C-alpha atoms as a PDB file:
ATOM      1  CA  MET A   1       0.019  -0.059   0.005  1.00  0.00           C
ATOM      2  CA  THR A   2       1.346   3.422  -0.965  1.00  0.00           C
ATOM      3  CA  LEU A   3       1.535   6.373   1.412  1.00  0.00           C
ATOM      4  CA  GLY A   4      -1.339   8.023  -0.534  1.00  0.00           C
ATOM      5  CA  GLU A   5      -3.564   4.772  -0.275  1.00  0.00           C
ATOM      6  CA  ALA A   6      -2.971   4.518   3.490  1.00  0.00           C
ATOM      7  CA  ALA A   7      -4.076   8.175   3.972  1.00  0.00           C
ATOM      8  CA  VAL A   8      -7.239   7.560   2.026  1.00  0.00           C
ATOM      9  CA  ALA A   9      -7.985   4.463   4.057  1.00  0.00           C
ATOM     10  CA  ILE A  10      -7.589   6.385   7.359  1.00  0.00           C
ATOM     11  CA  LEU A  11      -9.805   9.103   6.068  1.00  0.00           C
ATOM     12  CA  SER A  12     -12.368   6.694   4.995  1.00  0.00           C
ATOM     13  CA  LYS A  13     -12.369   5.017   8.335  1.00  0.00           C
ATOM     14  CA  GLY A  14     -12.657   8.404  10.150  1.00  0.00           C
ATOM     15  CA  ASN A  15     -15.642   9.284   8.118  1.00  0.00           C
ATOM     16  CA  THR A  16     -17.294   6.010   8.905  1.00  0.00           C
ATOM     17  CA  THR A  17     -16.739   6.777  12.625  1.00  0.00           C
ATOM     18  CA  LEU A  18     -18.354  10.266  12.380  1.00  0.00           C
ATOM     19  CA  ARG A  19     -21.409   8.720  10.536  1.00  0.00           C
ATOM     20  CA  GLU A  20     -21.846   6.082  13.255  1.00  0.00           C
ATOM     21  CA  ASN A  21     -21.689   8.668  16.103  1.00  0.00           C
ATOM     22  CA  ALA A  22     -24.046  11.116  14.292  1.00  0.00           C
ATOM     23  CA  PRO A  23     -27.515  11.556  15.736  1.00  0.00           C
ATOM     24  CA  ALA A  24     -30.228   9.036  14.421  1.00  0.00           C
ATOM     25  CA  ASN A  25     -32.390  12.107  13.404  1.00  0.00           C
ATOM     26  CA  PRO A  26     -30.136  14.759  11.850  1.00  0.00           C
ATOM     27  CA  ALA A  27     -33.240  16.776  10.967  1.00  0.00           C
ATOM     28  CA  ARG A  28     -33.500  17.787  14.615  1.00  0.00           C
ATOM     29  CA  LEU A  29     -30.201  19.573  14.641  1.00  0.00           C
ATOM     30  CA  PRO A  30     -30.678  23.415  14.950  1.00  0.00           C
ATOM     31  CA  GLU A  31     -30.260  25.116  11.577  1.00  0.00           C
ATOM     32  CA  PRO A  32     -27.659  27.761  11.378  1.00  0.00           C
ATOM     33  CA  ARG A  33     -29.099  31.256  11.773  1.00  0.00           C
ATOM     34  CA  GLY A  34     -28.562  33.089   8.619  1.00  0.00           C
ATOM     35  CA  ARG A  35     -29.125  36.817   7.959  1.00  0.00           C
ATOM     36  CA  GLY A  36     -32.672  36.167   6.624  1.00  0.00           C
ATOM     37  CA  ASP A  37     -33.627  34.182   9.753  1.00  0.00           C
ATOM     38  CA  ARG A  38     -36.045  36.131  12.069  1.00  0.00           C
ATOM     39  CA  ARG A  39     -34.028  34.733  15.080  1.00  0.00           C
ATOM     40  CA  ALA A  40     -30.796  36.353  13.812  1.00  0.00           C
ATOM     41  CA  GLY A  41     -29.923  39.127  16.221  1.00  0.00           C
ATOM     42  CA  GLY A  42     -32.969  38.447  18.209  1.00  0.00           C
ATOM     43  CA  MET A  43     -33.415  39.030  21.917  1.00  0.00           C
ATOM     44  CA  GLY A  44     -36.845  37.637  22.567  1.00  0.00           C
ATOM     45  CA  LYS A  45     -39.072  39.350  24.971  1.00  0.00           C
ATOM     46  CA  ILE A  46     -37.982  42.254  27.196  1.00  0.00           C
ATOM     47  CA  GLY A  47     -40.202  43.638  29.848  1.00  0.00           C
ATOM     48  CA  LEU A  48     -40.410  47.316  31.024  1.00  0.00           C
ATOM     49  CA  GLN A  49     -40.781  47.547  34.858  1.00  0.00           C
ATOM     50  CA  LEU A  50     -42.136  50.698  36.532  1.00  0.00           C
ATOM     51  CA  LYS A  51     -41.537  51.735  40.225  1.00  0.00           C
ATOM     52  CA  ALA A  52     -43.238  54.755  41.820  1.00  0.00           C
ATOM     53  CA  THR A  53     -44.567  55.799  45.112  1.00  0.00           C
ATOM     54  CA  LEU A  54     -48.505  56.225  44.809  1.00  0.00           C
ATOM     55  CA  GLU A  55     -50.356  58.516  47.221  1.00  0.00           C
ATOM     56  CA  ASN A  56     -54.091  57.755  47.384  1.00  0.00           C
ATOM     57  CA  ILE A  57     -54.182  56.680  43.765  1.00  0.00           C
ATOM     58  CA  THR A  58     -54.395  53.469  41.834  1.00  0.00           C
ATOM     59  CA  GLY A  59     -54.663  51.883  38.377  1.00  0.00           C
ATOM     60  CA  LEU A  60     -51.925  54.032  36.697  1.00  0.00           C
ATOM     61  CA  ARG A  61     -51.799  52.948  32.987  1.00  0.00           C
ATOM     62  CA  PRO A  62     -51.325  54.099  29.478  1.00  0.00           C
ATOM     63  CA  VAL A  63     -54.432  55.094  27.495  1.00  0.00           C
ATOM     64  CA  GLY A  64     -55.361  54.117  23.939  1.00  0.00           C
ATOM     65  CA  GLU A  65     -53.742  52.713  21.040  1.00  0.00           C
ATOM     66  CA  ASP A  66     -52.052  55.970  20.240  1.00  0.00           C
ATOM     67  CA  PHE A  67     -50.149  56.135  23.573  1.00  0.00           C
ATOM     68  CA  ARG A  68     -46.372  56.689  22.937  1.00  0.00           C
ATOM     69  CA  TRP A  69     -43.865  54.620  24.591  1.00  0.00           C
ATOM     70  CA  TYR A  70     -40.732  56.719  24.286  1.00  0.00           C
ATOM     71  CA  LEU A  71     -37.600  54.606  24.109  1.00  0.00           C
ATOM     72  CA  LYS A  72     -34.017  54.705  23.112  1.00  0.00           C
ATOM     73  CA  LEU A  73     -33.217  51.437  21.069  1.00  0.00           C
ATOM     74  CA  LYS A  74     -29.961  49.623  20.544  1.00  0.00           C
ATOM     75  CA  CYS A  75     -29.134  47.545  17.367  1.00  0.00           C
ATOM     76  CA  GLY A  76     -28.385  44.007  18.607  1.00  0.00           C
ATOM     77  CA  ASN A  77     -26.044  43.499  15.707  1.00  0.00           C
ATOM     78  CA  CYS A  78     -23.633  46.385  16.121  1.00  0.00           C
ATOM     79  CA  GLY A  79     -24.539  47.940  19.294  1.00  0.00           C
ATOM     80  CA  GLU A  80     -25.514  51.379  17.997  1.00  0.00           C
ATOM     81  CA  VAL A  81     -27.882  53.241  20.242  1.00  0.00           C
ATOM     82  CA  SER A  82     -30.373  55.844  18.827  1.00  0.00           C
ATOM     83  CA  GLU A  83     -29.368  59.356  19.920  1.00  0.00           C
ATOM     84  CA  LYS A  84     -33.077  60.626  19.804  1.00  0.00           C
ATOM     85  CA  TRP A  85     -35.967  59.326  21.653  1.00  0.00           C
ATOM     86  CA  GLN A  86     -38.229  57.174  19.575  1.00  0.00           C
ATOM     87  CA  TYR A  87     -41.802  56.245  20.156  1.00  0.00           C
ATOM     88  CA  LEU A  88     -43.782  53.037  19.735  1.00  0.00           C
ATOM     89  CA  ARG A  89     -47.611  53.045  19.406  1.00  0.00           C
ATOM     90  CA  LEU A  90     -49.997  50.042  19.264  1.00  0.00           C
ATOM     91  CA  MET A  91     -51.756  51.630  16.314  1.00  0.00           C
ATOM     92  CA  ASP A  92     -48.522  51.562  14.201  1.00  0.00           C
ATOM     93  CA  SER A  93     -47.525  48.556  11.914  1.00  0.00           C
ATOM     94  CA  ALA A  94     -44.836  48.090   9.448  1.00  0.00           C
ATOM     95  CA  PRO A  95     -44.320  45.127   7.073  1.00  0.00           C
ATOM     96  CA  LEU A  96     -41.230  42.778   7.614  1.00  0.00           C
ATOM     97  CA  LYS A  97     -38.945  42.089   4.578  1.00  0.00           C
ATOM     98  CA  GLY A  98     -39.876  38.899   2.785  1.00  0.00           C
ATOM     99  CA  GLY A  99     -43.530  38.933   3.718  1.00  0.00           C
ATOM    100  CA  ARG A 100     -42.865  37.790   7.208  1.00  0.00           C
ATOM    101  CA  GLY A 101     -45.792  39.547   8.652  1.00  0.00           C
ATOM    102  CA  SER A 102     -45.481  42.922  10.408  1.00  0.00           C
ATOM    103  CA  ALA A 103     -44.167  44.714  13.642  1.00  0.00           C
ATOM    104  CA  THR A 104     -44.906  47.860  15.613  1.00  0.00           C
ATOM    105  CA  MET A 105     -41.571  49.315  14.254  1.00  0.00           C
ATOM    106  CA  VAL A 106     -39.180  48.059  11.544  1.00  0.00           C
ATOM    107  CA  GLN A 107     -35.878  50.050  11.241  1.00  0.00           C
ATOM    108  CA  LYS A 108     -32.728  49.658   9.404  1.00  0.00           C
ATOM    109  CA  CYS A 109     -29.772  50.445  11.430  1.00  0.00           C
ATOM    110  CA  LYS A 110     -27.786  53.519  10.278  1.00  0.00           C
ATOM    111  CA  LEU A 111     -24.419  51.967  11.215  1.00  0.00           C
ATOM    112  CA  CYS A 112     -24.538  48.334  10.004  1.00  0.00           C
ATOM    113  CA  SER A 113     -27.756  48.621   7.645  1.00  0.00           C
ATOM    114  CA  ARG A 114     -29.316  45.528   9.391  1.00  0.00           C
ATOM    115  CA  GLU A 115     -33.134  45.446   9.309  1.00  0.00           C
ATOM    116  CA  ASN A 116     -34.359  45.009  12.903  1.00  0.00           C
ATOM    117  CA  SER A 117     -37.900  45.228  14.431  1.00  0.00           C
ATOM    118  CA  ILE A 118     -39.776  45.440  17.804  1.00  0.00           C
ATOM    119  CA  ASP A 119     -43.270  44.821  18.734  1.00  0.00           C
ATOM    120  CA  ILE A 120     -45.564  45.998  21.670  1.00  0.00           C
ATOM    121  CA  LEU A 121     -47.273  42.883  23.130  1.00  0.00           C
ATOM    122  CA  SER A 122     -50.698  44.431  23.975  1.00  0.00           C
ATOM    123  CA  HIS A 123     -51.838  41.511  25.940  1.00  0.00           C
ATOM    124  CA  THR A 124     -48.971  42.124  28.514  1.00  0.00           C
ATOM    125  CA  ILE A 125     -49.951  45.924  29.440  1.00  0.00           C
ATOM    126  CA  LYS A 126     -50.787  46.069  33.053  1.00  0.00           C
ATOM    127  CA  PRO A 127     -51.854  48.897  35.400  1.00  0.00           C
ATOM    128  CA  TYR A 128     -49.500  49.872  38.203  1.00  0.00           C
ATOM    129  CA  ASN A 129     -51.696  49.767  41.426  1.00  0.00           C
ATOM    130  CA  ALA A 130     -51.654  51.014  44.900  1.00  0.00           C
ATOM    131  CA  GLU A 131     -50.366  47.654  46.164  1.00  0.00           C
ATOM    132  CA  ASP A 132     -47.469  47.861  43.697  1.00  0.00           C
ATOM    133  CA  SER A 133     -46.319  51.180  45.293  1.00  0.00           C
ATOM    134  CA  GLU A 134     -42.611  51.316  45.827  1.00  0.00           C
ATOM    135  CA  LYS A 135     -42.009  47.948  43.985  1.00  0.00           C
ATOM    136  CA  PHE A 136     -40.905  47.219  40.517  1.00  0.00           C
ATOM    137  CA  LYS A 137     -43.666  45.764  38.219  1.00  0.00           C
ATOM    138  CA  THR A 138     -43.700  44.808  34.522  1.00  0.00           C
ATOM    139  CA  ILE A 139     -46.109  47.068  32.913  1.00  0.00           C
ATOM    140  CA  VAL A 140     -45.547  46.107  29.291  1.00  0.00           C
ATOM    141  CA  GLU A 141     -43.436  43.605  27.322  1.00  0.00           C
ATOM    142  CA  PHE A 142     -41.781  43.989  23.799  1.00  0.00           C
ATOM    143  CA  GLU A 143     -40.941  41.210  21.338  1.00  0.00           C
ATOM    144  CA  CYS A 144     -37.459  42.226  20.176  1.00  0.00           C
ATOM    145  CA  ARG A 145     -35.820  41.102  16.980  1.00  0.00           C
ATOM    146  CA  GLY A 146     -32.667  43.020  16.785  1.00  0.00           C
ATOM    147  CA  LEU A 147     -33.941  46.179  18.468  1.00  0.00           C
ATOM    148  CA  GLU A 148     -33.366  46.245  22.245  1.00  0.00           C
ATOM    149  CA  PRO A 149     -34.889  49.091  24.357  1.00  0.00           C
ATOM    150  CA  VAL A 150     -32.100  50.491  26.752  1.00  0.00           C
ATOM    151  CA  ASP A 151     -33.935  53.587  28.184  1.00  0.00           C
ATOM    152  CA  PHE A 152     -37.575  54.678  28.650  1.00  0.00           C
ATOM    153  CA  GLN A 153     -39.043  58.147  29.175  1.00  0.00           C
ATOM    154  CA  PRO A 154     -42.657  58.270  30.571  1.00  0.00           C
ATOM    155  CA  GLN A 155     -44.497  61.363  29.247  1.00  0.00           C
ATOM    156  CA  ALA A 156     -48.279  62.340  28.709  1.00  0.00           C
ATOM    157  CA  GLY A 157     -51.035  59.942  28.084  1.00  0.00           C
ATOM    158  CA  PHE A 158     -51.385  58.044  31.496  1.00  0.00           C
ATOM    159  CA  ALA A 159     -54.589  57.826  33.479  1.00  0.00           C
ATOM    160  CA  ALA A 160     -55.508  56.625  37.102  1.00  0.00           C
ATOM    161  CA  GLU A 161     -58.063  56.532  39.665  1.00  0.00           C
ATOM    162  CA  GLY A 162     -58.442  57.794  43.369  1.00  0.00           C
ATOM    163  CA  ALA A 163     -57.569  54.767  45.542  1.00  0.00           C
ATOM    164  CA  GLU A 164     -60.709  55.147  47.674  1.00  0.00           C
ATOM    165  CA  SER A 165     -62.909  57.478  45.745  1.00  0.00           C
ATOM    166  CA  GLY A 166     -62.665  56.139  42.262  1.00  0.00           C
ATOM    167  CA  THR A 167     -62.156  59.732  40.933  1.00  0.00           C
ATOM    168  CA  SER A 168     -60.814  59.578  37.477  1.00  0.00           C
ATOM    169  CA  PHE A 169     -57.543  61.311  36.608  1.00  0.00           C
ATOM    170  CA  SER A 170     -56.629  61.564  32.876  1.00  0.00           C
ATOM    171  CA  GLU A 171     -53.867  63.101  30.973  1.00  0.00           C
ATOM    172  CA  ILE A 172     -51.287  62.461  33.571  1.00  0.00           C
ATOM    173  CA  ASN A 173     -47.803  63.476  32.452  1.00  0.00           C
ATOM    174  CA  LEU A 174     -44.841  61.811  34.135  1.00  0.00           C
ATOM    175  CA  LEU A 175     -42.077  63.467  32.293  1.00  0.00           C
ATOM    176  CA  GLU A 176     -40.900  65.167  35.531  1.00  0.00           C
ATOM    177  CA  LYS A 177     -41.006  61.877  37.293  1.00  0.00           C
ATOM    178  CA  ASP A 178     -43.549  63.317  39.838  1.00  0.00           C
ATOM    179  CA  TRP A 179     -47.249  64.363  39.526  1.00  0.00           C
ATOM    180  CA  ASN A 180     -49.818  65.454  41.986  1.00  0.00           C
ATOM    181  CA  ASP A 181     -53.273  66.632  42.027  1.00  0.00           C
ATOM    182  CA  TYR A 182     -56.392  67.139  44.519  1.00  0.00           C
ATOM    183  CA  ASP A 183     -59.219  64.569  44.809  1.00  0.00           C
ATOM    184  CA  GLU A 184     -62.391  66.687  45.406  1.00  0.00           C
ATOM    185  CA  LYS A 185     -64.435  63.626  46.279  1.00  0.00           C
ATOM    186  CA  SER A 186     -62.248  62.276  49.155  1.00  0.00           C
ATOM    187  CA  LYS A 187     -60.885  65.679  50.024  1.00  0.00           C
ATOM    188  CA  GLU A 188     -57.131  64.545  49.924  1.00  0.00           C
ATOM    189  CA  SER A 189     -54.205  65.043  47.703  1.00  0.00           C
ATOM    190  CA  VAL A 190     -53.200  62.389  45.254  1.00  0.00           C
ATOM    191  CA  GLY A 191     -49.695  61.905  43.749  1.00  0.00           C
ATOM    192  CA  ILE A 192     -47.384  59.758  41.882  1.00  0.00           C
ATOM    193  CA  TYR A 193     -43.698  60.286  42.968  1.00  0.00           C
ATOM    194  CA  GLU A 194     -40.145  58.981  42.231  1.00  0.00           C
ATOM    195  CA  VAL A 195     -41.030  57.266  39.032  1.00  0.00           C
ATOM    196  CA  THR A 196     -38.133  55.016  37.838  1.00  0.00           C
ATOM    197  CA  HIS A 197     -37.786  51.995  35.639  1.00  0.00           C
ATOM    198  CA  LYS A 198     -35.625  49.059  34.470  1.00  0.00           C
ATOM    199  CA  PHE A 199     -35.650  46.449  31.662  1.00  0.00           C
ATOM    200  CA  VAL A 200     -35.853  42.730  32.247  1.00  0.00           C
ATOM    201  CA  LYS A 201     -35.680  39.527  30.096  1.00  0.00           C
ATOM    202  CA  CYS A 202     -38.982  37.757  30.158  1.00  0.00           C
END
């Protein structure tokens, strides 16, 4: 046997061994994530948690499909973070490339040109109640595919009720992280103070 023939024989034996050790059902192996795969650069679900001190008030919540969630977003591919605040609304919808449905926002990264998207999951929107005061609570979740929220700025469009009276308070603006008013029905002051937030993976 020549040296070349010996090498071929060793390689053939190695390939046989590899085939013998391969999984019985190779179809179950995870497919590589290509650029066209929705999962490429995806982060999954990210929750926005709110924390505030509530005074004689409950049911703090965003109102309407035109409520604006002001966020700063990061590209999961290159790490670029938007300089300006961008907002998401339930009423907005943009088509995904390749006919893969739609998302609340579809955006091409200015730095790496990758197309990313993010969705507001409407069924996850929850009110921040009196019993949640001074605790972090997830008030909304986002389905993230390449766009990750890294900062949140609460603004106008919130509503709440008097904790005991049920008096309705609309057009609450939390831009200053504090808000207060007076409940005529219960004859007491109401307020939302020290508003802060954080993001968590769901």
